[in-house]
Every structure is written in structure tokens, then in C-alpha cells.
């Protein structure tokens, strides 16, 4: 049975059965009981925006589970879902794309109690690690600091990448500057400057530590 499931997954990937989910604005934390909206884009092969899907979101913390459906956004392939997480703690959020079985599970999100002190901001490399998952990099690239990365692994491994940080920032802002290889290309995700800085910090941290 497991062999059959594996073969089915390989065949689905070969005929275009994979997609990348990109969360547009990832919060550092949310407050329990207050609605939070997550907007995301679904791209087949990381490039073609997919409309007409019926995505959903599932959030878990201990014995609690909450779900919400997603509605189409303003742009093609864009969706938004609003949910309320009922108690403080660490919550694991999974976005189901609605395209076959494609999904992404974000790194745990901190939920604080109403009136609680604002938690300290994550370091830039840690925020970059979270964005590596939320922006969909985890689907196409392997990085040893992110469990389960390289689901499709059509892009190069990014652990200890050789690119200088300045070039990496330029590339993340405009992937078209790099030579294209094969039929799969890096999409322009419309990253904000602070997101680019955080991703570059994460991708460069381990290499800098080895110098």
C-alpha cells in the first residue's frame, strides 16, 4: 500500500500535480479570541496562479482544533481565510490548497492571552526560517534547518548556499536576474524589503557561522 501511495505521488508530480502555497503576511503572534485573516496564493509549479479552488485552514493546539474555509481574493489564485484561535499557546496551522492533496504546515504560531505583554520579536534569522515555510520555499528547496523541506525539490539545496548576501537580496527582489534553467523557474513572490532581509539572514546565518 505504501509503495502504491509513493508511486501515485511521483506520478502526480510528473503530470503537474503539485503547487506552492505562499502566505502573504505572516504575523509574529496573534491574540486569543481575536479574528486573524491569512491571505495566501496558490501557484501550480510555483508559477501559474490557480483559481476556482476551495482551500481551507486547520489549526491545532493540544486537544483543540479549529477550521475555516477560504474565499477567493482580489487577484487570480489569491485566497483569504479568517479564523479565531480560542486560547493562548503554540498553534500549528495547516493550509490545504484545494488542489489535489497539496498543503503546507506553518511553523508553530504563538497565541497570547488578551491583555498579555507583547512577546519579543523573533530574531531576523528566525523570522526568515518561518518565512522559508510560509512563502513556499519549503516546497521546492531543501534546507536542513527546516524539517520536511524539499517536498518537490526542483530547486537547488539552500543549506550553506554559496551566494553573497547582497546578490541573494537582489535575486529575491527580482528572480529574473538569474539565468533560467529547465522548465521550472523561480517566481517573483512580491516580497517586502523586510521579508527579503529576513530570508537572506536565515539563508546566510549557518554559512557565516562556519567562517
Protein backbone atom coordinates (compact mmCIF):
# COMPACT_ATOMS: atom_id res chain seq x y z
CA UNK A 1 0.00 0.00 0.00
CA UNK A 2 2.79 2.43 0.93
CA UNK A 3 4.54 1.65 -2.36
CA UNK A 4 1.32 2.46 -4.23
CA UNK A 5 0.94 5.78 -2.44
CA UNK A 6 4.55 6.68 -3.20
CA UNK A 7 4.13 5.86 -6.89
CA UNK A 8 0.91 7.85 -7.03
CA UNK A 9 2.73 10.85 -5.55
CA UNK A 10 5.56 10.56 -8.08
CA UNK A 11 3.11 10.29 -10.99
CA UNK A 12 1.09 13.28 -9.73
CA UNK A 13 4.24 15.39 -9.54
CA UNK A 14 5.27 14.33 -13.03
CA UNK A 15 1.98 15.40 -14.61
CA UNK A 16 1.75 18.71 -12.79
CA UNK A 17 0.10 17.66 -9.54
CA UNK A 18 2.00 19.97 -7.24
CA UNK A 19 1.56 23.54 -6.20
CA UNK A 20 3.18 26.10 -3.95
CA UNK A 21 1.27 27.95 -1.23
CA UNK A 22 2.56 31.43 -0.40
CA UNK A 23 1.28 33.25 2.69
CA UNK A 24 1.25 36.98 2.06
CA UNK A 25 1.67 38.46 5.55
CA UNK A 26 2.82 36.16 8.32
CA UNK A 27 2.15 37.53 11.83
CA UNK A 28 4.75 37.08 14.58
CA UNK A 29 1.91 36.31 17.01
CA UNK A 30 -1.87 36.69 17.39
CA UNK A 31 -4.20 37.28 20.33
CA UNK A 32 -6.53 34.53 21.52
CA UNK A 33 -10.18 35.07 20.62
CA UNK A 34 -9.47 37.82 18.11
CA UNK A 35 -10.08 37.10 14.41
CA UNK A 36 -6.99 36.91 12.23
CA UNK A 37 -7.07 36.79 8.44
CA UNK A 38 -4.48 34.84 6.49
CA UNK A 39 -4.18 35.62 2.79
CA UNK A 40 -2.29 33.27 0.51
CA UNK A 41 -1.68 32.45 -3.13
CA UNK A 42 -1.69 29.01 -4.74
CA UNK A 43 0.59 28.53 -7.76
CA UNK A 44 0.89 25.35 -9.84
CA UNK A 45 4.58 24.54 -10.25
CA UNK A 46 5.17 27.67 -8.16
CA UNK A 47 4.33 29.88 -11.15
CA UNK A 48 0.77 29.61 -12.54
CA UNK A 49 -1.86 31.08 -10.24
CA UNK A 50 -4.75 28.68 -9.69
CA UNK A 51 -8.30 30.00 -9.46
CA UNK A 52 -11.52 28.15 -8.65
CA UNK A 53 -10.07 26.22 -5.71
CA UNK A 54 -11.73 25.62 -2.35
CA UNK A 55 -8.92 25.93 0.19
CA UNK A 56 -9.31 25.54 3.94
CA UNK A 57 -7.26 26.11 7.07
CA UNK A 58 -6.87 23.82 10.07
CA UNK A 59 -5.29 24.98 13.35
CA UNK A 60 -4.30 22.67 16.21
CA UNK A 61 -3.08 23.17 19.76
CA UNK A 62 -3.12 20.19 22.10
CA UNK A 63 -6.64 18.79 22.15
CA UNK A 64 -8.17 21.77 20.35
CA UNK A 65 -8.77 22.00 16.61
CA UNK A 66 -10.38 24.84 14.70
CA UNK A 67 -11.06 25.06 10.97
CA UNK A 68 -12.08 27.72 8.49
CA UNK A 69 -12.78 27.87 4.78
CA UNK A 70 -11.10 30.33 2.43
CA UNK A 71 -12.70 32.69 -0.07
CA UNK A 72 -11.25 34.00 -3.34
CA UNK A 73 -9.28 37.23 -3.03
CA UNK A 74 -8.95 40.16 -5.39
CA UNK A 75 -6.29 38.59 -7.59
CA UNK A 76 -6.20 35.31 -9.53
CA UNK A 77 -5.06 32.46 -7.33
CA UNK A 78 -5.38 34.51 -4.16
CA UNK A 79 -7.48 33.35 -1.20
CA UNK A 80 -8.22 34.60 2.31
CA UNK A 81 -9.44 32.86 5.44
CA UNK A 82 -10.40 34.34 8.80
CA UNK A 83 -10.18 32.26 11.94
CA UNK A 84 -10.11 32.79 15.69
CA UNK A 85 -7.78 30.79 17.91
CA UNK A 86 -9.58 30.28 21.24
CA UNK A 87 -6.71 30.01 23.74
CA UNK A 88 -3.13 31.06 24.32
CA UNK A 89 -0.32 28.70 23.43
CA UNK A 90 1.53 27.40 20.40
CA UNK A 91 -0.72 26.64 17.42
CA UNK A 92 0.14 24.64 14.32
CA UNK A 93 -1.63 25.91 11.21
CA UNK A 94 -2.05 23.84 8.07
CA UNK A 95 -3.27 25.41 4.84
CA UNK A 96 -4.98 22.96 2.47
CA UNK A 97 -4.76 24.40 -1.04
CA UNK A 98 -7.75 22.57 -2.51
CA UNK A 99 -5.51 21.43 -5.36
CA UNK A 100 -5.21 17.65 -5.00
CA UNK A 101 -3.51 17.00 -1.64
CA UNK A 102 -1.16 19.99 -1.71
CA UNK A 103 -0.83 21.64 1.69
CA UNK A 104 1.68 23.40 3.91
CA UNK A 105 2.06 23.34 7.68
CA UNK A 106 3.47 26.56 9.06
CA UNK A 107 5.95 26.64 11.91
CA UNK A 108 4.12 26.99 15.27
CA UNK A 109 2.43 30.36 15.80
CA UNK A 110 2.40 31.98 19.24
CA UNK A 111 -1.03 32.97 20.55
CA UNK A 112 -1.11 35.25 23.59
CA UNK A 113 -3.93 35.89 26.05
CA UNK A 114 -5.85 39.19 25.77
CA UNK A 115 -4.04 41.85 27.76
CA UNK A 116 -0.82 39.86 27.96
CA UNK A 117 2.51 41.54 27.34
CA UNK A 118 3.65 41.63 23.73
CA UNK A 119 6.17 38.83 23.17
CA UNK A 120 9.66 39.78 22.00
CA UNK A 121 10.13 39.93 18.25
CA UNK A 122 11.92 36.93 16.73
CA UNK A 123 15.45 37.44 15.50
CA UNK A 124 15.82 38.18 11.79
CA UNK A 125 17.18 34.69 11.00
CA UNK A 126 14.33 33.08 12.95
CA UNK A 127 11.77 35.21 11.13
CA UNK A 128 13.45 34.16 7.89
CA UNK A 129 13.15 30.49 8.87
CA UNK A 130 9.41 30.96 9.39
CA UNK A 131 9.10 32.77 6.08
CA UNK A 132 11.01 29.96 4.34
CA UNK A 133 7.98 27.80 5.13
CA UNK A 134 5.24 30.41 4.79
CA UNK A 135 6.44 31.75 1.44
CA UNK A 136 6.56 28.28 -0.09
CA UNK A 137 10.37 27.97 -0.36
CA UNK A 138 9.99 24.77 1.65
CA UNK A 139 8.20 23.10 -1.26
CA UNK A 140 10.96 23.39 -3.85
CA UNK A 141 14.16 23.71 -1.81
CA UNK A 142 15.89 21.56 0.77
CA UNK A 143 17.26 23.24 3.89
CA UNK A 144 18.48 21.13 6.78
CA UNK A 145 17.20 23.65 9.34
CA UNK A 146 13.61 23.14 8.16
CA UNK A 147 12.07 19.71 8.67
CA UNK A 148 10.17 18.31 5.71
CA UNK A 149 11.62 20.76 3.19
CA UNK A 150 12.15 19.86 -0.43
CA UNK A 151 8.72 18.27 -0.90
CA UNK A 152 9.21 18.54 -4.65
CA UNK A 153 12.87 19.65 -4.60
CA UNK A 154 13.06 21.10 -8.09
CA UNK A 155 15.34 23.90 -6.91
CA UNK A 156 18.88 23.78 -5.50
CA UNK A 157 19.56 22.90 -1.88
CA UNK A 158 19.86 26.09 0.14
CA UNK A 159 21.75 24.82 3.17
CA UNK A 160 25.08 26.69 3.18
CA UNK A 161 24.31 28.28 -0.18
CA UNK A 162 27.30 29.96 -1.89
CA UNK A 163 25.59 33.22 -2.85
CA UNK A 164 26.73 36.53 -1.29
CA UNK A 165 24.02 38.17 0.80
CA UNK A 166 23.80 41.28 -1.40
CA UNK A 167 23.19 39.19 -4.52
CA UNK A 168 20.73 36.99 -2.65
CA UNK A 169 18.69 40.06 -1.70
CA UNK A 170 18.70 41.26 -5.30
CA UNK A 171 17.63 37.83 -6.53
CA UNK A 172 14.76 37.56 -4.03
CA UNK A 173 13.54 41.00 -5.10
CA UNK A 174 13.82 40.13 -8.80
CA UNK A 175 14.35 36.43 -9.63
CA UNK A 176 14.52 37.28 -13.35
CA UNK A 177 18.15 38.44 -12.93
CA UNK A 178 19.27 34.79 -12.66
CA UNK A 179 19.76 32.55 -15.72
CA UNK A 180 16.80 30.24 -16.28
CA UNK A 181 17.44 26.51 -16.30
CA UNK A 182 14.89 23.94 -17.49
CA UNK A 183 11.14 24.49 -17.43
CA UNK A 184 10.77 25.36 -13.73
CA UNK A 185 11.66 28.88 -12.71
CA UNK A 186 11.70 30.89 -9.53
CA UNK A 187 8.59 33.10 -9.37
CA UNK A 188 8.54 36.71 -8.22
CA UNK A 189 6.69 36.45 -4.90
CA UNK A 190 6.41 40.20 -4.41
CA UNK A 191 8.40 40.02 -1.17
CA UNK A 192 8.54 43.10 1.03
CA UNK A 193 12.02 44.52 1.84
CA UNK A 194 11.80 43.29 5.44
CA UNK A 195 10.86 39.79 4.25
CA UNK A 196 13.81 39.75 1.86
CA UNK A 197 16.15 40.84 4.65
CA UNK A 198 14.85 38.12 6.98
CA UNK A 199 15.10 35.36 4.36
CA UNK A 200 18.62 36.44 3.41
CA UNK A 201 19.62 36.47 7.09
CA UNK A 202 18.28 32.94 7.58
CA UNK A 203 19.93 31.56 4.45
CA UNK A 204 23.27 33.16 5.35
CA UNK A 205 23.42 32.51 9.09
CA UNK A 206 24.83 28.97 9.03
CA UNK A 207 27.39 29.76 6.31
CA UNK A 208 28.62 32.80 8.27
CA UNK A 209 28.93 30.71 11.43
CA UNK A 210 31.30 28.33 9.64
CA UNK A 211 33.75 31.05 8.62
